[in-house]
């Protein structure tokens, strides 16, 4: 066992962290307050290669490993302290891209990946529906019917990150209701397809710097060449591979947020004087800081373990679920505890801990709830 990251991985993490600190963080508070999406910052992220990390070099990406992509998301989270933009990055570069990288045809890769890699096209994934969350396969209502050389899709997807600004989405739809999870297919859908529309931008508790909406399909026509893989293989093949990446790379942003919050709280506790001395000398404060550091280190090892297994070409449903469960629940507890360190200032918008606490709440809901993670862990045992 070697607990040291490769030098090139560490160097790239620092490069991404420094970029995010200088370019993203200065406007994070204001953009969160206004709920603004920034195309200018998105363009800058594309210019340094952040938007196409796991895309092979022959299609315009960096060909980065799962581990490299994971620590880049961690560094971006730490540097930016911007949960929404970190989420948008993950939705674009992972769940809106990996299905094409892993399961797409050569024609699909050539058509979509170069534009996704630069950020010219923003991508996302559409799985969840208004009545289909944890039971994504069993309760799915979006239907795709083959007619000649096209599929006709009808239905609605819900909580879709990048929905209002996205250009291309991976969409799951039922092609054979009788087969359950074995009867779901995955399609590449462009916003220009006839019958495609987006609902209004959703107002959220946190992650306000990312855009979220419904996607609506009304007799939407999808060319048959936009089917990913074989018909009825979408959920078990495309979805399974995608979720393991999502529960590894996207969760790494929480590592960065915890690190940023911990560093800031230590500085605050050194400077905040009560009862005649800095509060960092109080045992109650030291306990919160120590436990936060413990949760961060343990989370980081679990997430890295999952990424390393993916890089070996191995399936990691157990490892990614354990890492996702522990990291997300730790993030919420860490933000709460470090908020206590800040006292009343944790309730003020201009203190980053307030924003990070709100943003952390999504982590135990998206990509499978904590309850679903526990079910997956138990099933794998």
Protein backbone atom coordinates (compact mmCIF):
# COMPACT_ATOMS: atom_id res chain seq x y z
CA UNK A 1 0.00 0.00 0.00
CA UNK A 2 1.30 3.44 -0.96
CA UNK A 3 -0.64 6.40 0.41
CA UNK A 4 1.23 8.96 -1.68
CA UNK A 5 -0.39 10.38 -4.79
CA UNK A 6 1.74 10.49 -7.96
CA UNK A 7 3.64 13.75 -8.36
CA UNK A 8 1.85 14.70 -11.60
CA UNK A 9 -1.52 14.24 -9.88
CA UNK A 10 -0.50 16.43 -6.95
CA UNK A 11 0.89 19.12 -9.26
CA UNK A 12 -2.29 19.21 -11.34
CA UNK A 13 -4.45 19.38 -8.23
CA UNK A 14 -2.51 22.43 -7.07
CA UNK A 15 -2.78 24.03 -10.52
CA UNK A 16 -6.57 23.59 -10.49
CA UNK A 17 -6.85 24.80 -6.88
CA UNK A 18 -4.83 27.94 -7.63
CA UNK A 19 -6.89 28.65 -10.76
CA UNK A 20 -10.17 28.27 -8.88
CA UNK A 21 -8.95 30.42 -6.00
CA UNK A 22 -7.94 33.28 -8.28
CA UNK A 23 -10.68 33.07 -10.92
CA UNK A 24 -13.76 31.53 -9.29
CA UNK A 25 -13.72 32.28 -5.55
CA UNK A 26 -13.68 36.12 -5.69
CA UNK A 27 -17.19 36.24 -7.17
CA UNK A 28 -18.66 33.14 -5.48
CA UNK A 29 -20.51 35.03 -2.74
CA UNK A 30 -22.15 37.49 -5.11
CA UNK A 31 -23.07 34.86 -7.70
CA UNK A 32 -24.60 32.70 -4.97
CA UNK A 33 -26.62 35.65 -3.69
CA UNK A 34 -27.99 36.39 -7.15
CA UNK A 35 -28.22 32.79 -8.32
CA UNK A 36 -26.11 33.65 -11.36
CA UNK A 37 -24.68 31.27 -13.93
CA UNK A 38 -21.41 32.60 -15.38
CA UNK A 39 -20.65 31.71 -19.01
CA UNK A 40 -17.44 33.72 -18.75
CA UNK A 41 -16.08 31.55 -15.95
CA UNK A 42 -17.22 28.44 -17.82
CA UNK A 43 -15.19 29.58 -20.81
CA UNK A 44 -12.11 30.04 -18.63
CA UNK A 45 -12.57 26.54 -17.21
CA UNK A 46 -12.65 25.20 -20.76
CA UNK A 47 -9.51 27.07 -21.71
CA UNK A 48 -7.43 25.26 -19.08
CA UNK A 49 -8.85 21.86 -20.00
CA UNK A 50 -11.08 21.32 -16.96
CA UNK A 51 -14.21 20.51 -18.96
CA UNK A 52 -12.83 17.51 -20.82
CA UNK A 53 -10.53 15.79 -18.35
CA UNK A 54 -11.64 12.14 -18.79
CA UNK A 55 -12.23 12.50 -22.54
CA UNK A 56 -9.53 10.70 -24.59
CA UNK A 57 -6.98 12.96 -26.26
CA UNK A 58 -8.03 11.92 -29.76
CA UNK A 59 -11.40 13.57 -29.13
CA UNK A 60 -9.99 16.79 -27.69
CA UNK A 61 -9.79 15.87 -24.00
CA UNK A 62 -6.94 15.22 -21.60
CA UNK A 63 -7.32 11.46 -21.26
CA UNK A 64 -7.09 11.88 -17.49
CA UNK A 65 -7.49 8.90 -15.18
CA UNK A 66 -10.35 8.62 -12.73
CA UNK A 67 -7.92 9.47 -9.92
CA UNK A 68 -6.61 12.55 -11.74
CA UNK A 69 -10.15 13.71 -12.47
CA UNK A 70 -11.13 13.07 -8.86
CA UNK A 71 -8.33 15.16 -7.33
CA UNK A 72 -8.94 17.90 -9.90
CA UNK A 73 -12.55 18.16 -8.67
CA UNK A 74 -11.25 18.17 -5.11
CA UNK A 75 -8.82 20.98 -5.93
CA UNK A 76 -11.53 22.94 -7.74
CA UNK A 77 -13.85 22.63 -4.76
CA UNK A 78 -11.17 23.77 -2.32
CA UNK A 79 -10.04 26.67 -4.45
CA UNK A 80 -13.44 27.93 -5.55
CA UNK A 81 -15.57 27.32 -2.44
CA UNK A 82 -18.34 27.33 -5.05
CA UNK A 83 -20.60 24.30 -4.74
CA UNK A 84 -22.82 25.17 -7.69
CA UNK A 85 -20.09 25.59 -10.26
CA UNK A 86 -18.33 22.46 -8.95
CA UNK A 87 -21.60 20.56 -9.40
CA UNK A 88 -22.04 21.93 -12.93
CA UNK A 89 -18.50 20.82 -13.76
CA UNK A 90 -19.23 17.29 -12.56
CA UNK A 91 -22.58 17.05 -14.33
CA UNK A 92 -20.92 18.14 -17.57
CA UNK A 93 -17.60 16.33 -17.42
CA UNK A 94 -18.75 13.09 -15.77
CA UNK A 95 -22.40 12.06 -15.95
CA UNK A 96 -23.00 13.95 -19.19
CA UNK A 97 -19.83 12.60 -20.81
CA UNK A 98 -18.69 9.24 -19.41
CA UNK A 99 -21.56 7.29 -21.04
CA UNK A 100 -20.32 8.42 -24.45
CA UNK A 101 -16.67 7.76 -23.54
CA UNK A 102 -17.38 4.24 -22.25
CA UNK A 103 -20.35 3.04 -24.28
CA UNK A 104 -20.66 5.39 -27.25
CA UNK A 105 -20.03 4.46 -30.88
CA UNK A 106 -17.11 5.92 -32.78
CA UNK A 107 -19.49 8.20 -34.67
CA UNK A 108 -21.02 9.45 -31.41
CA UNK A 109 -17.60 10.11 -29.91
CA UNK A 110 -16.45 12.08 -32.94
CA UNK A 111 -19.64 14.16 -33.05
CA UNK A 112 -20.05 15.05 -29.39
CA UNK A 113 -16.85 14.68 -27.37
CA UNK A 114 -14.74 17.43 -29.02
CA UNK A 115 -17.41 20.08 -28.38
CA UNK A 116 -18.01 18.81 -24.83
CA UNK A 117 -14.26 18.86 -24.12
CA UNK A 118 -13.96 22.56 -24.90
CA UNK A 119 -17.23 23.51 -23.24
CA UNK A 120 -18.70 24.73 -26.54
CA UNK A 121 -21.51 22.30 -25.76
CA UNK A 122 -22.61 21.96 -22.13
CA UNK A 123 -23.75 18.46 -21.21
CA UNK A 124 -25.75 16.78 -18.47
CA UNK A 125 -27.69 13.65 -17.62
CA UNK A 126 -31.45 13.13 -17.32
CA UNK A 127 -32.45 10.16 -15.17
CA UNK A 128 -34.61 11.44 -12.28
CA UNK A 129 -38.28 12.25 -12.87
CA UNK A 130 -41.01 13.98 -10.82
CA UNK A 131 -42.27 10.56 -9.65
CA UNK A 132 -39.06 8.58 -10.11
CA UNK A 133 -36.19 9.16 -7.70
CA UNK A 134 -34.62 6.34 -5.71
CA UNK A 135 -36.71 3.83 -7.68
CA UNK A 136 -35.28 5.20 -10.92
CA UNK A 137 -35.90 2.08 -12.98
CA UNK A 138 -39.16 0.83 -11.55
CA UNK A 139 -40.96 4.18 -11.53
CA UNK A 140 -39.61 5.64 -14.78
CA UNK A 141 -42.40 7.07 -16.94
CA UNK A 142 -40.49 8.56 -19.88
CA UNK A 143 -41.10 6.34 -22.89
CA UNK A 144 -39.22 5.84 -26.18
CA UNK A 145 -41.01 4.16 -29.08
CA UNK A 146 -39.17 3.14 -32.27
CA UNK A 147 -40.74 4.48 -35.45
CA UNK A 148 -38.76 3.86 -38.60
CA UNK A 149 -35.27 5.30 -38.17
CA UNK A 150 -36.20 7.35 -35.11
CA UNK A 151 -37.29 7.02 -31.50
CA UNK A 152 -40.18 9.14 -30.24
CA UNK A 153 -39.69 10.19 -26.62
CA UNK A 154 -42.42 11.44 -24.27
CA UNK A 155 -41.98 12.33 -20.62
CA UNK A 156 -40.42 14.72 -18.12
CA UNK A 157 -37.13 14.67 -16.24
CA UNK A 158 -36.64 16.53 -12.96
CA UNK A 159 -33.76 18.18 -11.02
CA UNK A 160 -31.50 18.23 -14.09
CA UNK A 161 -28.25 20.08 -13.44
CA UNK A 162 -27.27 22.29 -16.41
CA UNK A 163 -30.84 21.92 -17.71
CA UNK A 164 -31.43 25.59 -18.63
CA UNK A 165 -27.98 26.05 -20.21
CA UNK A 166 -27.23 22.56 -21.56
CA UNK A 167 -26.81 21.67 -25.22
CA UNK A 168 -26.70 17.86 -25.03
CA UNK A 169 -28.00 15.36 -22.47
CA UNK A 170 -27.81 11.65 -21.76
CA UNK A 171 -31.48 10.68 -21.39
CA UNK A 172 -32.82 7.42 -19.97
CA UNK A 173 -36.18 6.19 -21.28
CA UNK A 174 -38.26 3.01 -21.10
CA UNK A 175 -38.20 1.02 -24.34
CA UNK A 176 -39.75 -2.18 -22.94
CA UNK A 177 -41.88 -1.72 -19.81
CA UNK A 178 -42.28 -5.49 -19.25
CA UNK A 179 -38.53 -5.93 -18.69
CA UNK A 180 -38.19 -3.41 -15.86
CA UNK A 181 -34.57 -2.27 -15.47
CA UNK A 182 -33.68 -4.53 -18.40
CA UNK A 183 -36.02 -2.49 -20.63
CA UNK A 184 -34.45 0.97 -20.32
CA UNK A 185 -32.32 2.59 -23.02
CA UNK A 186 -29.96 5.57 -23.08
CA UNK A 187 -30.05 8.28 -25.74
CA UNK A 188 -27.97 11.32 -26.65
CA UNK A 189 -30.40 14.21 -26.92
CA UNK A 190 -29.65 17.67 -28.31
CA UNK A 191 -31.62 20.70 -27.19
CA UNK A 192 -32.41 21.49 -30.83
CA UNK A 193 -34.36 18.24 -31.33
CA UNK A 194 -38.00 18.77 -32.24
CA UNK A 195 -40.17 18.30 -29.16
CA UNK A 196 -37.47 19.23 -26.61
CA UNK A 197 -38.03 22.01 -24.08
CA UNK A 198 -36.93 23.02 -20.58
CA UNK A 199 -39.07 23.99 -17.63
CA UNK A 200 -38.46 27.07 -15.50
CA UNK A 201 -35.24 27.41 -13.56
CA UNK A 202 -35.70 25.80 -10.14
CA UNK A 203 -35.08 27.87 -7.01
CA UNK A 204 -32.91 25.81 -4.65
CA UNK A 205 -31.71 25.88 -1.07
CA UNK A 206 -28.06 25.71 -2.17
CA UNK A 207 -25.85 25.15 -5.22
CA UNK A 208 -27.33 28.40 -6.51
CA UNK A 209 -24.53 29.10 -8.99
CA UNK A 210 -25.56 26.07 -11.05
CA UNK A 211 -28.74 26.00 -13.10
CA UNK A 212 -31.37 23.30 -12.58
CA UNK A 213 -34.66 22.64 -14.33
CA UNK A 214 -37.06 20.09 -15.74
CA UNK A 215 -36.53 18.68 -19.22
CA UNK A 216 -39.71 18.09 -21.17
CA UNK A 217 -40.09 15.73 -24.14
CA UNK A 218 -43.23 16.00 -26.25
CA UNK A 219 -43.10 13.59 -29.19
CA UNK A 220 -39.40 14.40 -29.34
CA UNK A 221 -37.67 12.78 -32.28
CA UNK A 222 -34.29 11.15 -31.64
CA UNK A 223 -32.34 9.58 -34.55
CA UNK A 224 -31.68 5.88 -33.99
CA UNK A 225 -27.94 6.51 -34.27
CA UNK A 226 -28.21 8.46 -30.99
CA UNK A 227 -29.05 5.30 -29.05
CA UNK A 228 -26.09 4.52 -26.76
CA UNK A 229 -25.14 0.86 -26.97
CA UNK A 230 -27.89 -1.64 -27.56
CA UNK A 231 -31.57 -1.08 -26.95
CA UNK A 232 -32.64 -1.96 -23.38
CA UNK A 233 -29.04 -1.85 -22.08
CA UNK A 234 -29.10 1.74 -20.86
CA UNK A 235 -29.82 1.38 -17.17
CA UNK A 236 -27.73 -1.66 -16.33
CA UNK A 237 -24.73 -0.89 -18.55
CA UNK A 238 -24.65 2.88 -19.07
CA UNK A 239 -26.25 3.84 -15.77
CA UNK A 240 -24.16 1.49 -13.63
CA UNK A 241 -20.82 2.66 -15.03
CA UNK A 242 -21.88 6.29 -14.84
CA UNK A 243 -23.06 6.15 -11.24
CA UNK A 244 -19.77 4.71 -10.02
CA UNK A 245 -17.92 7.62 -11.61
CA UNK A 246 -20.47 10.07 -10.22
CA UNK A 247 -20.20 8.66 -6.70
CA UNK A 248 -16.43 9.03 -6.89
CA UNK A 249 -15.50 12.12 -8.91
CA UNK A 250 -18.43 14.39 -8.07
CA UNK A 251 -18.17 13.55 -4.39
CA UNK A 252 -14.53 14.68 -4.43
CA UNK A 253 -15.76 18.27 -4.51
CA UNK A 254 -16.94 17.74 -0.93
CA UNK A 255 -13.37 16.93 0.07
CA UNK A 256 -12.28 20.32 -1.20
CA UNK A 257 -15.13 22.11 0.54
CA UNK A 258 -14.29 20.44 3.85
CA UNK A 259 -10.63 21.42 3.48
CA UNK A 260 -11.52 25.03 2.69
CA UNK A 261 -13.96 25.24 5.60
CA UNK A 262 -11.50 23.64 8.02
CA UNK A 263 -8.66 26.00 7.10
CA UNK A 264 -10.95 29.01 7.41
CA UNK A 265 -12.33 27.88 10.75
CA UNK A 266 -8.86 27.41 12.20
CA UNK A 267 -7.91 30.94 11.17
CA UNK A 268 -11.15 32.28 12.63
CA UNK A 269 -10.66 30.40 15.94
CA UNK A 270 -7.12 31.76 16.29
CA UNK A 271 -8.34 35.34 15.89
CA UNK A 272 -11.65 35.21 17.72
CA UNK A 273 -11.09 36.18 21.36
CA UNK A 274 -13.58 35.34 24.12
CA UNK A 275 -13.06 35.22 27.87
CA UNK A 276 -9.69 36.85 27.31
CA UNK A 277 -8.13 34.29 24.94
CA UNK A 278 -8.47 32.87 21.40
CA UNK A 279 -11.29 30.35 21.24
CA UNK A 280 -9.00 27.78 19.59
CA UNK A 281 -7.60 27.18 23.09
CA UNK A 282 -10.99 25.92 24.27
CA UNK A 283 -11.37 22.15 24.32
CA UNK A 284 -14.88 22.26 22.84
CA UNK A 285 -13.57 24.11 19.79
CA UNK A 286 -10.50 21.87 19.48
CA UNK A 287 -12.77 18.81 19.46
CA UNK A 288 -14.82 20.13 16.54
CA UNK A 289 -11.68 20.94 14.58
CA UNK A 290 -10.05 17.58 15.35
CA UNK A 291 -13.13 15.56 14.40
CA UNK A 292 -13.52 17.57 11.20
CA UNK A 293 -9.94 16.79 10.21
CA UNK A 294 -10.48 13.10 10.99
CA UNK A 295 -13.60 12.96 8.81
CA UNK A 296 -11.81 14.74 5.97
CA UNK A 297 -8.85 12.36 5.97
CA UNK A 298 -11.02 9.25 6.20
CA UNK A 299 -13.29 10.52 3.41
CA UNK A 300 -10.34 11.27 1.17
CA UNK A 301 -8.92 7.75 1.52
CA UNK A 302 -12.28 6.15 0.73
CA UNK A 303 -12.84 8.30 -2.37
CA UNK A 304 -9.30 7.74 -3.65
CA UNK A 305 -9.70 3.99 -3.14
CA UNK A 306 -12.75 3.96 -5.37
CA UNK A 307 -11.00 6.04 -8.06
CA UNK A 308 -7.95 3.77 -8.07
CA UNK A 309 -10.16 0.72 -8.50
CA UNK A 310 -11.91 2.34 -11.47
CA UNK A 311 -8.52 3.03 -13.04
CA UNK A 312 -7.75 -0.67 -12.79
CA UNK A 313 -10.82 -1.33 -14.94
CA UNK A 314 -12.69 -2.91 -12.05
CA UNK A 315 -16.29 -2.44 -11.00
CA UNK A 316 -16.59 -0.53 -7.73
CA UNK A 317 -20.23 -0.48 -6.59
CA UNK A 318 -19.30 -1.21 -2.97
CA UNK A 319 -16.32 1.13 -2.75
CA UNK A 320 -18.04 4.04 -4.49
CA UNK A 321 -21.15 3.64 -2.32
CA UNK A 322 -19.13 3.51 0.92
CA UNK A 323 -17.09 6.53 -0.13
CA UNK A 324 -20.18 8.45 -1.17
CA UNK A 325 -22.10 7.65 2.00
CA UNK A 326 -19.30 8.45 4.44
CA UNK A 327 -18.05 11.56 2.63
CA UNK A 328 -21.42 13.23 2.15
CA UNK A 329 -22.67 12.59 5.66
CA UNK A 330 -19.29 13.75 6.99
CA UNK A 331 -19.50 16.94 4.91
CA UNK A 332 -22.83 17.89 6.43
CA UNK A 333 -21.56 17.20 9.97
CA UNK A 334 -18.29 19.06 9.34
CA UNK A 335 -20.10 22.14 8.03
CA UNK A 336 -22.43 22.08 11.04
CA UNK A 337 -19.59 21.72 13.55
CA UNK A 338 -17.43 24.36 11.91
CA UNK A 339 -20.46 26.61 11.80
CA UNK A 340 -20.60 26.27 15.58
CA UNK A 341 -16.99 27.42 15.70
CA UNK A 342 -18.10 30.60 13.92
CA UNK A 343 -21.01 31.18 16.29
CA UNK A 344 -23.55 33.73 15.06
CA UNK A 345 -21.38 34.65 12.08
CA UNK A 346 -22.17 31.25 10.55
CA UNK A 347 -25.67 32.61 9.93
CA UNK A 348 -24.49 35.54 7.84
CA UNK A 349 -24.32 35.31 4.08
CA UNK A 350 -20.90 36.94 3.75
CA UNK A 351 -19.23 34.12 5.68
CA UNK A 352 -18.47 31.17 3.34
CA UNK A 353 -19.44 28.60 5.98
CA UNK A 354 -23.09 29.64 5.57
CA UNK A 355 -22.99 28.92 1.84
CA UNK A 356 -21.05 25.69 2.27
CA UNK A 357 -23.55 24.41 4.84
CA UNK A 358 -26.44 24.98 2.42
CA UNK A 359 -24.55 23.45 -0.50
CA UNK A 360 -23.59 20.34 1.49
CA UNK A 361 -27.22 19.40 2.03
CA UNK A 362 -27.60 18.19 -1.56
CA UNK A 363 -24.78 15.68 -1.25
CA UNK A 364 -26.78 13.05 0.67
CA UNK A 365 -29.65 13.32 -1.83
CA UNK A 366 -28.11 13.39 -5.30
CA UNK A 367 -26.51 10.36 -7.03
CA UNK A 368 -28.47 8.12 -4.68
CA UNK A 369 -29.62 9.01 -1.18
CA UNK A 370 -27.77 7.86 1.92
CA UNK A 371 -30.51 5.29 2.42
CA UNK A 372 -29.92 3.86 -1.06
CA UNK A 373 -26.16 3.76 -0.42
CA UNK A 374 -26.75 1.69 2.69
CA UNK A 375 -28.96 -0.66 0.69
CA UNK A 376 -26.29 -1.08 -2.01
CA UNK A 377 -23.59 -1.72 0.60
CA UNK A 378 -25.72 -4.37 2.28
CA UNK A 379 -26.60 -6.02 -1.04
CA UNK A 380 -22.92 -6.28 -1.98
CA UNK A 381 -22.21 -8.04 1.29
